[in-house]
Amino acid sequence: MSKEKDVVVFRKWRDGFGVIALFPEIPTDLYGYYCESYEHVGQHGGADYHGVVMNTVPANTEESADLFEELTRVGYVLRPIKRASQIHHEKRRRLARHFAMVNTD
């Protein structure tokens, strides 16, 4: 059975300090406010999707290639998209609610 693909949005910081990968469907808090993110330096962390998008520009395939390769090496099966839709954000919030319920039992 194959692993479900991880939806990812690659963005480039406006100040030129690299590329960030945003996983709009993966929550990092029990409310689903923040999504999983990954950068070469610092690696995994929670991110405000909309805040990051406001401070970045889309990264093209060449700019995101190194990060794509690194994420693949650590086990992600990626499905890059240009921008997250409301469906992606709602999936993150739904998953966070599920985790919150499981953690209260």
PDB file of N, CA and C in Angstrom:
ATOM      1  N   MET A   1       0.848  -1.190   0.000  1.00  0.00           N
ATOM      2  CA  MET A   1       0.000   0.000   0.000  1.00  0.00           C
ATOM      3  C   MET A   1       0.887   1.243   0.000  1.00  0.00           C
ATOM      4  N   SER A   2       0.603   2.166  -0.881  1.00  0.00           N
ATOM      5  CA  SER A   2       1.438   3.362  -0.987  1.00  0.00           C
ATOM      6  C   SER A   2       0.994   4.427   0.009  1.00  0.00           C
ATOM      7  N   LYS A   3       1.955   5.219   0.438  1.00  0.00           N
ATOM      8  CA  LYS A   3       1.703   6.312   1.377  1.00  0.00           C
ATOM      9  C   LYS A   3       0.942   7.427   0.672  1.00  0.00           C
ATOM     10  N   GLU A   4       0.000   8.038   1.387  1.00  0.00           N
ATOM     11  CA  GLU A   4      -0.718   9.197   0.841  1.00  0.00           C
ATOM     12  C   GLU A   4       0.283  10.329   0.629  1.00  0.00           C
ATOM     13  N   LYS A   5       0.134  11.063  -0.437  1.00  0.00           N
ATOM     14  CA  LYS A   5       1.074  12.138  -0.739  1.00  0.00           C
ATOM     15  C   LYS A   5       0.860  13.335   0.175  1.00  0.00           C
ATOM     16  N   ASP A   6       1.972  13.983   0.518  1.00  0.00           N
ATOM     17  CA  ASP A   6       1.961  15.159   1.374  1.00  0.00           C
ATOM     18  C   ASP A   6       1.867  16.408   0.506  1.00  0.00           C
ATOM     19  N   VAL A   7       0.763  17.137   0.649  1.00  0.00           N
ATOM     20  CA  VAL A   7       0.571  18.380  -0.087  1.00  0.00           C
ATOM     21  C   VAL A   7       1.564  19.405   0.461  1.00  0.00           C
ATOM     22  N   VAL A   8       2.301  20.058  -0.440  1.00  0.00           N
ATOM     23  CA  VAL A   8       3.317  21.025  -0.023  1.00  0.00           C
ATOM     24  C   VAL A   8       3.291  22.249  -0.927  1.00  0.00           C
ATOM     25  N   VAL A   9       3.536  23.408  -0.309  1.00  0.00           N
ATOM     26  CA  VAL A   9       3.648  24.678  -1.023  1.00  0.00           C
ATOM     27  C   VAL A   9       5.056  25.207  -0.751  1.00  0.00           C
ATOM     28  N   PHE A  10       5.830  25.433  -1.803  1.00  0.00           N
ATOM     29  CA  PHE A  10       7.176  25.976  -1.656  1.00  0.00           C
ATOM     30  C   PHE A  10       7.138  27.482  -1.856  1.00  0.00           C
ATOM     31  N   ARG A  11       7.724  28.212  -0.901  1.00  0.00           N
ATOM     32  CA  ARG A  11       7.775  29.670  -0.960  1.00  0.00           C
ATOM     33  C   ARG A  11       9.214  30.134  -0.719  1.00  0.00           C
ATOM     34  N   LYS A  12       9.560  31.277  -1.281  1.00  0.00           N
ATOM     35  CA  LYS A  12      10.897  31.845  -1.137  1.00  0.00           C
ATOM     36  C   LYS A  12      10.787  33.134  -0.330  1.00  0.00           C
ATOM     37  N   TRP A  13      11.644  33.251   0.704  1.00  0.00           N
ATOM     38  CA  TRP A  13      11.630  34.454   1.534  1.00  0.00           C
ATOM     39  C   TRP A  13      12.024  35.666   0.700  1.00  0.00           C
ATOM     40  N   ARG A  14      11.334  36.770   0.917  1.00  0.00           N
ATOM     41  CA  ARG A  14      11.588  38.005   0.158  1.00  0.00           C
ATOM     42  C   ARG A  14      13.002  38.541   0.390  1.00  0.00           C
ATOM     43  N   ASP A  15      13.546  38.296   1.572  1.00  0.00           N
ATOM     44  CA  ASP A  15      14.883  38.813   1.889  1.00  0.00           C
ATOM     45  C   ASP A  15      16.002  37.935   1.329  1.00  0.00           C
ATOM     46  N   GLY A  16      15.636  36.873   0.608  1.00  0.00           N
ATOM     47  CA  GLY A  16      16.632  36.022  -0.033  1.00  0.00           C
ATOM     48  C   GLY A  16      17.235  34.958   0.853  1.00  0.00           C
ATOM     49  N   PHE A  17      16.665  34.704   2.030  1.00  0.00           N
ATOM     50  CA  PHE A  17      17.228  33.732   2.965  1.00  0.00           C
ATOM     51  C   PHE A  17      16.672  32.324   2.798  1.00  0.00           C
ATOM     52  N   GLY A  18      16.391  31.931   1.588  1.00  0.00           N
ATOM     53  CA  GLY A  18      16.050  30.540   1.345  1.00  0.00           C
ATOM     54  C   GLY A  18      14.591  30.273   1.058  1.00  0.00           C
ATOM     55  N   VAL A  19      14.302  28.975   1.017  1.00  0.00           N
ATOM     56  CA  VAL A  19      12.980  28.471   0.654  1.00  0.00           C
ATOM     57  C   VAL A  19      12.373  27.766   1.861  1.00  0.00           C
ATOM     58  N   ILE A  20      11.087  27.906   2.011  1.00  0.00           N
ATOM     59  CA  ILE A  20      10.341  27.227   3.073  1.00  0.00           C
ATOM     60  C   ILE A  20       9.276  26.343   2.428  1.00  0.00           C
ATOM     61  N   ALA A  21       9.094  25.164   2.998  1.00  0.00           N
ATOM     62  CA  ALA A  21       8.031  24.259   2.557  1.00  0.00           C
ATOM     63  C   ALA A  21       6.908  24.339   3.579  1.00  0.00           C
ATOM     64  N   LEU A  22       5.699  24.588   3.106  1.00  0.00           N
ATOM     65  CA  LEU A  22       4.516  24.639   3.969  1.00  0.00           C
ATOM     66  C   LEU A  22       3.640  23.435   3.662  1.00  0.00           C
ATOM     67  N   PHE A  23       3.204  22.759   4.705  1.00  0.00           N
ATOM     68  CA  PHE A  23       2.323  21.605   4.571  1.00  0.00           C
ATOM     69  C   PHE A  23       0.954  22.004   5.118  1.00  0.00           C
ATOM     70  N   PRO A  24       0.086  22.562   4.266  1.00  0.00           N
ATOM     71  CA  PRO A  24      -1.164  23.157   4.742  1.00  0.00           C
ATOM     72  C   PRO A  24      -2.152  22.170   5.354  1.00  0.00           C
ATOM     73  N   GLU A  25      -1.967  20.879   5.145  1.00  0.00           N
ATOM     74  CA  GLU A  25      -2.896  19.892   5.703  1.00  0.00           C
ATOM     75  C   GLU A  25      -2.412  19.285   7.022  1.00  0.00           C
ATOM     76  N   ILE A  26      -1.192  19.599   7.447  1.00  0.00           N
ATOM     77  CA  ILE A  26      -0.624  18.980   8.653  1.00  0.00           C
ATOM     78  C   ILE A  26      -0.598  20.002   9.785  1.00  0.00           C
ATOM     79  N   PRO A  27      -1.384  19.772  10.854  1.00  0.00           N
ATOM     80  CA  PRO A  27      -1.406  20.720  11.981  1.00  0.00           C
ATOM     81  C   PRO A  27      -0.205  20.544  12.907  1.00  0.00           C
ATOM     82  N   THR A  28       0.187  21.643  13.553  1.00  0.00           N
ATOM     83  CA  THR A  28       1.230  21.562  14.576  1.00  0.00           C
ATOM     84  C   THR A  28       0.715  22.001  15.944  1.00  0.00           C
ATOM     85  N   ASP A  29      -0.570  22.272  16.035  1.00  0.00           N
ATOM     86  CA  ASP A  29      -1.189  22.607  17.313  1.00  0.00           C
ATOM     87  C   ASP A  29      -2.563  21.936  17.356  1.00  0.00           C
ATOM     88  N   LEU A  30      -3.154  21.883  18.527  1.00  0.00           N
ATOM     89  CA  LEU A  30      -4.415  21.154  18.699  1.00  0.00           C
ATOM     90  C   LEU A  30      -5.637  21.916  18.188  1.00  0.00           C
ATOM     91  N   TYR A  31      -5.440  23.122  17.671  1.00  0.00           N
ATOM     92  CA  TYR A  31      -6.544  23.904  17.106  1.00  0.00           C
ATOM     93  C   TYR A  31      -6.479  23.987  15.589  1.00  0.00           C
ATOM     94  N   GLY A  32      -5.342  23.623  15.013  1.00  0.00           N
ATOM     95  CA  GLY A  32      -5.181  23.692  13.565  1.00  0.00           C
ATOM     96  C   GLY A  32      -4.885  25.077  13.048  1.00  0.00           C
ATOM     97  N   TYR A  33      -4.461  25.991  13.944  1.00  0.00           N
ATOM     98  CA  TYR A  33      -4.106  27.340  13.507  1.00  0.00           C
ATOM     99  C   TYR A  33      -2.828  27.320  12.672  1.00  0.00           C
ATOM    100  N   TYR A  34      -1.890  26.474  13.065  1.00  0.00           N
ATOM    101  CA  TYR A  34      -0.574  26.455  12.430  1.00  0.00           C
ATOM    102  C   TYR A  34      -0.367  25.165  11.645  1.00  0.00           C
ATOM    103  N   CYS A  35       0.358  25.300  10.540  1.00  0.00           N
ATOM    104  CA  CYS A  35       0.661  24.131   9.719  1.00  0.00           C
ATOM    105  C   CYS A  35       2.131  23.761   9.891  1.00  0.00           C
ATOM    106  N   GLU A  36       2.451  22.547   9.515  1.00  0.00           N
ATOM    107  CA  GLU A  36       3.834  22.078   9.523  1.00  0.00           C
ATOM    108  C   GLU A  36       4.619  22.859   8.472  1.00  0.00           C
ATOM    109  N   SER A  37       5.868  23.171   8.802  1.00  0.00           N
ATOM    110  CA  SER A  37       6.758  23.809   7.828  1.00  0.00           C
ATOM    111  C   SER A  37       8.127  23.163   7.948  1.00  0.00           C
ATOM    112  N   TYR A  38       8.952  23.395   6.942  1.00  0.00           N
ATOM    113  CA  TYR A  38      10.287  22.802   6.936  1.00  0.00           C
ATOM    114  C   TYR A  38      11.219  23.707   6.144  1.00  0.00           C
ATOM    115  N   GLU A  39      12.402  23.942   6.717  1.00  0.00           N
ATOM    116  CA  GLU A  39      13.453  24.694   6.042  1.00  0.00           C
ATOM    117  C   GLU A  39      14.765  23.956   6.249  1.00  0.00           C
ATOM    118  N   HIS A  40      15.757  24.230   5.408  1.00  0.00           N
ATOM    119  CA  HIS A  40      17.068  23.588   5.572  1.00  0.00           C
ATOM    120  C   HIS A  40      17.606  23.838   6.977  1.00  0.00           C
ATOM    121  N   VAL A  41      17.600  25.095   7.405  1.00  0.00           N
ATOM    122  CA  VAL A  41      18.078  25.459   8.738  1.00  0.00           C
ATOM    123  C   VAL A  41      16.872  25.510   9.660  1.00  0.00           C
ATOM    124  N   GLY A  42      16.914  24.775  10.740  1.00  0.00           N
ATOM    125  CA  GLY A  42      15.801  24.756  11.668  1.00  0.00           C
ATOM    126  C   GLY A  42      14.855  23.598  11.428  1.00  0.00           C
ATOM    127  N   GLN A  43      14.765  23.159  10.222  1.00  0.00           N
ATOM    128  CA  GLN A  43      13.962  22.018   9.789  1.00  0.00           C
ATOM    129  C   GLN A  43      12.502  22.166  10.166  1.00  0.00           C
ATOM    130  N   HIS A  44      11.913  21.229  10.926  1.00  0.00           N
ATOM    131  CA  HIS A  44      10.470  21.252  11.188  1.00  0.00           C
ATOM    132  C   HIS A  44      10.073  22.347  12.174  1.00  0.00           C
ATOM    133  N   GLY A  45       8.871  22.875  11.959  1.00  0.00           N
ATOM    134  CA  GLY A  45       8.309  23.850  12.875  1.00  0.00           C
ATOM    135  C   GLY A  45       6.889  24.181  12.472  1.00  0.00           C
ATOM    136  N   GLY A  46       6.185  24.856  13.359  1.00  0.00           N
ATOM    137  CA  GLY A  46       4.843  25.314  13.056  1.00  0.00           C
ATOM    138  C   GLY A  46       4.911  26.665  12.362  1.00  0.00           C
ATOM    139  N   ALA A  47       3.957  26.926  11.472  1.00  0.00           N
ATOM    140  CA  ALA A  47       3.949  28.198  10.747  1.00  0.00           C
ATOM    141  C   ALA A  47       2.519  28.681  10.540  1.00  0.00           C
ATOM    142  N   ASP A  48       2.360  29.984  10.584  1.00  0.00           N
ATOM    143  CA  ASP A  48       1.113  30.620  10.213  1.00  0.00           C
ATOM    144  C   ASP A  48       1.118  30.692   8.690  1.00  0.00           C
ATOM    145  N   TYR A  49       0.363  29.832   8.035  1.00  0.00           N
ATOM    146  CA  TYR A  49       0.388  29.728   6.582  1.00  0.00           C
ATOM    147  C   TYR A  49       0.229  31.098   5.921  1.00  0.00           C
ATOM    148  N   HIS A  50      -0.791  31.830   6.301  1.00  0.00           N
ATOM    149  CA  HIS A  50      -1.084  33.103   5.644  1.00  0.00           C
ATOM    150  C   HIS A  50      -0.008  34.152   5.946  1.00  0.00           C
ATOM    151  N   GLY A  51       0.539  34.125   7.158  1.00  0.00           N
ATOM    152  CA  GLY A  51       1.621  35.042   7.504  1.00  0.00           C
ATOM    153  C   GLY A  51       2.865  34.784   6.673  1.00  0.00           C
ATOM    154  N   VAL A  52       3.192  33.509   6.485  1.00  0.00           N
ATOM    155  CA  VAL A  52       4.351  33.169   5.665  1.00  0.00           C
ATOM    156  C   VAL A  52       4.118  33.590   4.216  1.00  0.00           C
ATOM    157  N   VAL A  53       2.932  33.321   3.696  1.00  0.00           N
ATOM    158  CA  VAL A  53       2.629  33.680   2.306  1.00  0.00           C
ATOM    159  C   VAL A  53       2.758  35.190   2.096  1.00  0.00           C
ATOM    160  N   MET A  54       2.362  35.978   3.082  1.00  0.00           N
ATOM    161  CA  MET A  54       2.456  37.438   2.964  1.00  0.00           C
ATOM    162  C   MET A  54       3.909  37.920   2.903  1.00  0.00           C
ATOM    163  N   ASN A  55       4.833  37.146   3.470  1.00  0.00           N
ATOM    164  CA  ASN A  55       6.232  37.555   3.548  1.00  0.00           C
ATOM    165  C   ASN A  55       7.147  36.807   2.591  1.00  0.00           C
ATOM    166  N   THR A  56       6.559  36.094   1.638  1.00  0.00           N
ATOM    167  CA  THR A  56       7.319  35.292   0.691  1.00  0.00           C
ATOM    168  C   THR A  56       6.752  35.461  -0.709  1.00  0.00           C
ATOM    169  N   VAL A  57       7.456  34.880  -1.654  1.00  0.00           N
ATOM    170  CA  VAL A  57       6.972  34.808  -3.037  1.00  0.00           C
ATOM    171  C   VAL A  57       7.036  33.337  -3.450  1.00  0.00           C
ATOM    172  N   PRO A  58       6.270  32.934  -4.455  1.00  0.00           N
ATOM    173  CA  PRO A  58       6.324  31.536  -4.882  1.00  0.00           C
ATOM    174  C   PRO A  58       7.741  31.139  -5.310  1.00  0.00           C
ATOM    175  N   ALA A  59       8.153  29.954  -4.922  1.00  0.00           N
ATOM    176  CA  ALA A  59       9.450  29.415  -5.339  1.00  0.00           C
ATOM    177  C   ALA A  59       9.222  28.548  -6.569  1.00  0.00           C
ATOM    178  N   ASN A  60      10.066  28.713  -7.567  1.00  0.00           N
ATOM    179  CA  ASN A  60       9.925  27.879  -8.756  1.00  0.00           C
ATOM    180  C   ASN A  60      10.581  26.513  -8.528  1.00  0.00           C
ATOM    181  N   THR A  61      10.450  25.629  -9.487  1.00  0.00           N
ATOM    182  CA  THR A  61      10.955  24.263  -9.364  1.00  0.00           C
ATOM    183  C   THR A  61      12.454  24.235  -9.101  1.00  0.00           C
ATOM    184  N   GLU A  62      13.198  25.064  -9.794  1.00  0.00           N
ATOM    185  CA  GLU A  62      14.652  25.112  -9.599  1.00  0.00           C
ATOM    186  C   GLU A  62      15.015  25.592  -8.199  1.00  0.00           C
ATOM    187  N   GLU A  63      14.322  26.617  -7.713  1.00  0.00           N
ATOM    188  CA  GLU A  63      14.607  27.175  -6.386  1.00  0.00           C
ATOM    189  C   GLU A  63      14.258  26.202  -5.263  1.00  0.00           C
ATOM    190  N   SER A  64      13.250  25.381  -5.475  1.00  0.00           N
ATOM    191  CA  SER A  64      12.811  24.457  -4.431  1.00  0.00           C
ATOM    192  C   SER A  64      13.398  23.055  -4.564  1.00  0.00           C
ATOM    193  N   ALA A  65      14.214  22.809  -5.590  1.00  0.00           N
ATOM    194  CA  ALA A  65      14.723  21.455  -5.871  1.00  0.00           C
ATOM    195  C   ALA A  65      15.506  20.854  -4.706  1.00  0.00           C
ATOM    196  N   ASP A  66      16.416  21.621  -4.099  1.00  0.00           N
ATOM    197  CA  ASP A  66      17.215  21.082  -2.989  1.00  0.00           C
ATOM    198  C   ASP A  66      16.342  20.708  -1.799  1.00  0.00           C
ATOM    199  N   LEU A  67      15.384  21.563  -1.470  1.00  0.00           N
ATOM    200  CA  LEU A  67      14.501  21.291  -0.347  1.00  0.00           C
ATOM    201  C   LEU A  67      13.584  20.109  -0.663  1.00  0.00           C
ATOM    202  N   PHE A  68      13.113  20.035  -1.892  1.00  0.00           N
ATOM    203  CA  PHE A  68      12.294  18.899  -2.328  1.00  0.00           C
ATOM    204  C   PHE A  68      13.069  17.597  -2.124  1.00  0.00           C
ATOM    205  N   GLU A  69      14.325  17.581  -2.541  1.00  0.00           N
ATOM    206  CA  GLU A  69      15.160  16.384  -2.403  1.00  0.00           C
ATOM    207  C   GLU A  69      15.383  16.025  -0.932  1.00  0.00           C
ATOM    208  N   GLU A  70      15.660  17.020  -0.099  1.00  0.00           N
ATOM    209  CA  GLU A  70      15.873  16.775   1.329  1.00  0.00           C
ATOM    210  C   GLU A  70      14.618  16.190   1.974  1.00  0.00           C
ATOM    211  N   LEU A  71      13.460  16.743   1.647  1.00  0.00           N
ATOM    212  CA  LEU A  71      12.206  16.249   2.214  1.00  0.00           C
ATOM    213  C   LEU A  71      11.926  14.807   1.763  1.00  0.00           C
ATOM    214  N   THR A  72      12.248  14.505   0.529  1.00  0.00           N
ATOM    215  CA  THR A  72      12.064  13.147   0.019  1.00  0.00           C
ATOM    216  C   THR A  72      12.972  12.172   0.765  1.00  0.00           C
ATOM    217  N   ARG A  73      14.209  12.604   1.024  1.00  0.00           N
ATOM    218  CA  ARG A  73      15.150  11.744   1.768  1.00  0.00           C
ATOM    219  C   ARG A  73      14.679  11.428   3.176  1.00  0.00           C
ATOM    220  N   VAL A  74      13.982  12.363   3.816  1.00  0.00           N
ATOM    221  CA  VAL A  74      13.522  12.123   5.187  1.00  0.00           C
ATOM    222  C   VAL A  74      12.153  11.447   5.248  1.00  0.00           C
ATOM    223  N   GLY A  75      11.613  11.057   4.077  1.00  0.00           N
ATOM    224  CA  GLY A  75      10.409  10.233   4.080  1.00  0.00           C
ATOM    225  C   GLY A  75       9.128  10.818   3.538  1.00  0.00           C
ATOM    226  N   TYR A  76       9.150  12.071   3.147  1.00  0.00           N
ATOM    227  CA  TYR A  76       7.938  12.656   2.579  1.00  0.00           C
ATOM    228  C   TYR A  76       7.719  12.152   1.153  1.00  0.00           C
ATOM    229  N   VAL A  77       6.455  11.975   0.793  1.00  0.00           N
ATOM    230  CA  VAL A  77       6.049  11.702  -0.586  1.00  0.00           C
ATOM    231  C   VAL A  77       5.265  12.944  -1.001  1.00  0.00           C
ATOM    232  N   LEU A  78       5.911  13.801  -1.779  1.00  0.00           N
ATOM    233  CA  LEU A  78       5.397  15.153  -1.990  1.00  0.00           C
ATOM    234  C   LEU A  78       4.477  15.303  -3.192  1.00  0.00           C
ATOM    235  N   ARG A  79       3.477  16.171  -2.990  1.00  0.00           N
ATOM    236  CA  ARG A  79       2.603  16.615  -4.073  1.00  0.00           C
ATOM    237  C   ARG A  79       2.580  18.140  -4.028  1.00  0.00           C
ATOM    238  N   PRO A  80       3.515  18.783  -4.751  1.00  0.00           N
ATOM    239  CA  PRO A  80       3.571  20.246  -4.726  1.00  0.00           C
ATOM    240  C   PRO A  80       2.339  20.883  -5.371  1.00  0.00           C
ATOM    241  N   ILE A  81       1.874  21.962  -4.746  1.00  0.00           N
ATOM    242  CA  ILE A  81       0.795  22.780  -5.298  1.00  0.00           C
ATOM    243  C   ILE A  81       1.241  24.239  -5.225  1.00  0.00           C
ATOM    244  N   LYS A  82       0.578  25.100  -5.964  1.00  0.00           N
ATOM    245  CA  LYS A  82       0.936  26.530  -5.970  1.00  0.00           C
ATOM    246  C   LYS A  82       0.442  27.256  -4.725  1.00  0.00           C
ATOM    247  N   ARG A  83      -0.808  26.953  -4.315  1.00  0.00           N
ATOM    248  CA  ARG A  83      -1.373  27.600  -3.128  1.00  0.00           C
ATOM    249  C   ARG A  83      -2.403  26.677  -2.495  1.00  0.00           C
ATOM    250  N   ALA A  84      -2.549  26.803  -1.204  1.00  0.00           N
ATOM    251  CA  ALA A  84      -3.510  25.984  -0.480  1.00  0.00           C
ATOM    252  C   ALA A  84      -4.910  26.580  -0.618  1.00  0.00           C
ATOM    253  N   SER A  85      -5.885  25.700  -0.740  1.00  0.00           N
ATOM    254  CA  SER A  85      -7.280  26.134  -0.810  1.00  0.00           C
ATOM    255  C   SER A  85      -7.920  25.996   0.566  1.00  0.00           C
ATOM    256  N   GLN A  86      -9.141  26.454   0.650  1.00  0.00           N
ATOM    257  CA  GLN A  86      -9.897  26.321   1.893  1.00  0.00           C
ATOM    258  C   GLN A  86     -10.033  24.844   2.279  1.00  0.00           C
ATOM    259  N   ILE A  87     -10.109  23.974   1.302  1.00  0.00           N
ATOM    260  CA  ILE A  87     -10.218  22.528   1.562  1.00  0.00           C
ATOM    261  C   ILE A  87      -8.993  22.027   2.317  1.00  0.00           C
ATOM    262  N   HIS A  88      -7.799  22.483   1.929  1.00  0.00           N
ATOM    263  CA  HIS A  88      -6.570  22.069   2.618  1.00  0.00           C
ATOM    264  C   HIS A  88      -6.565  22.566   4.066  1.00  0.00           C
ATOM    265  N   HIS A  89      -6.955  23.827   4.269  1.00  0.00           N
ATOM    266  CA  HIS A  89      -6.969  24.387   5.624  1.00  0.00           C
ATOM    267  C   HIS A  89      -8.006  23.690   6.500  1.00  0.00           C
ATOM    268  N   GLU A  90      -9.144  23.378   5.927  1.00  0.00           N
ATOM    269  CA  GLU A  90     -10.186  22.688   6.696  1.00  0.00           C
ATOM    270  C   GLU A  90      -9.736  21.273   7.069  1.00  0.00           C
ATOM    271  N   LYS A  91      -9.031  20.601   6.183  1.00  0.00           N
ATOM    272  CA  LYS A  91      -8.496  19.269   6.501  1.00  0.00           C
ATOM    273  C   LYS A  91      -7.544  19.358   7.682  1.00  0.00           C
ATOM    274  N   ARG A  92      -6.690  20.398   7.724  1.00  0.00           N
ATOM    275  CA  ARG A  92      -5.765  20.590   8.846  1.00  0.00           C
ATOM    276  C   ARG A  92      -6.528  20.803  10.147  1.00  0.00           C
ATOM    277  N   ARG A  93      -7.551  21.640  10.114  1.00  0.00           N
ATOM    278  CA  ARG A  93      -8.324  21.909  11.335  1.00  0.00           C
ATOM    279  C   ARG A  93      -9.071  20.662  11.811  1.00  0.00           C
ATOM    280  N   ARG A  94      -9.601  19.892  10.860  1.00  0.00           N
ATOM    281  CA  ARG A  94     -10.305  18.656  11.201  1.00  0.00           C
ATOM    282  C   ARG A  94      -9.347  17.654  11.856  1.00  0.00           C
ATOM    283  N   LEU A  95      -8.155  17.518  11.309  1.00  0.00           N
ATOM    284  CA  LEU A  95      -7.156  16.611  11.867  1.00  0.00           C
ATOM    285  C   LEU A  95      -6.725  17.066  13.261  1.00  0.00           C
ATOM    286  N   ALA A  96      -6.585  18.369  13.444  1.00  0.00           N
ATOM    287  CA  ALA A  96      -6.225  18.908  14.757  1.00  0.00           C
ATOM    288  C   ALA A  96      -7.319  18.598  15.782  1.00  0.00           C
ATOM    289  N   ARG A  97      -8.581  18.751  15.399  1.00  0.00           N
ATOM    290  CA  ARG A  97      -9.683  18.424  16.317  1.00  0.00           C
ATOM    291  C   ARG A  97      -9.634  16.953  16.703  1.00  0.00           C
ATOM    292  N   HIS A  98      -9.324  16.097  15.738  1.00  0.00           N
ATOM    293  CA  HIS A  98      -9.207  14.666  16.021  1.00  0.00           C
ATOM    294  C   HIS A  98      -8.094  14.412  17.042  1.00  0.00           C
ATOM    295  N   PHE A  99      -6.928  15.037  16.831  1.00  0.00           N
ATOM    296  CA  PHE A  99      -5.805  14.876  17.777  1.00  0.00           C
ATOM    297  C   PHE A  99      -6.173  15.392  19.157  1.00  0.00           C
ATOM    298  N   ALA A 100      -6.905  16.510  19.199  1.00  0.00           N
ATOM    299  CA  ALA A 100      -7.304  17.088  20.493  1.00  0.00           C
ATOM    300  C   ALA A 100      -8.222  16.127  21.241  1.00  0.00           C
ATOM    301  N   MET A 101      -9.154  15.498  20.524  1.00  0.00           N
ATOM    302  CA  MET A 101     -10.074  14.541  21.172  1.00  0.00           C
ATOM    303  C   MET A 101      -9.314  13.326  21.664  1.00  0.00           C
ATOM    304  N   VAL A 102      -8.380  12.822  20.886  1.00  0.00           N
ATOM    305  CA  VAL A 102      -7.601  11.641  21.266  1.00  0.00           C
ATOM    306  C   VAL A 102      -6.749  11.953  22.504  1.00  0.00           C
ATOM    307  N   ASN A 103      -6.216  13.176  22.590  1.00  0.00           N
ATOM    308  CA  ASN A 103      -5.351  13.547  23.713  1.00  0.00           C
ATOM    309  C   ASN A 103      -6.114  13.794  24.997  1.00  0.00           C
ATOM    310  N   THR A 104      -7.437  13.918  24.960  1.00  0.00           N
ATOM    311  CA  THR A 104      -8.211  14.152  26.184  1.00  0.00           C
ATOM    312  C   THR A 104      -8.749  12.848  26.773  1.00  0.00           C
ATOM    313  N   ASP A 105      -8.609  11.769  26.044  1.00  0.00           N
ATOM    314  CA  ASP A 105      -9.112  10.469  26.549  1.00  0.00           C
ATOM    315  C   ASP A 105      -8.165   9.867  27.551  1.00  0.00           C
TER     316      ASP A 105
END
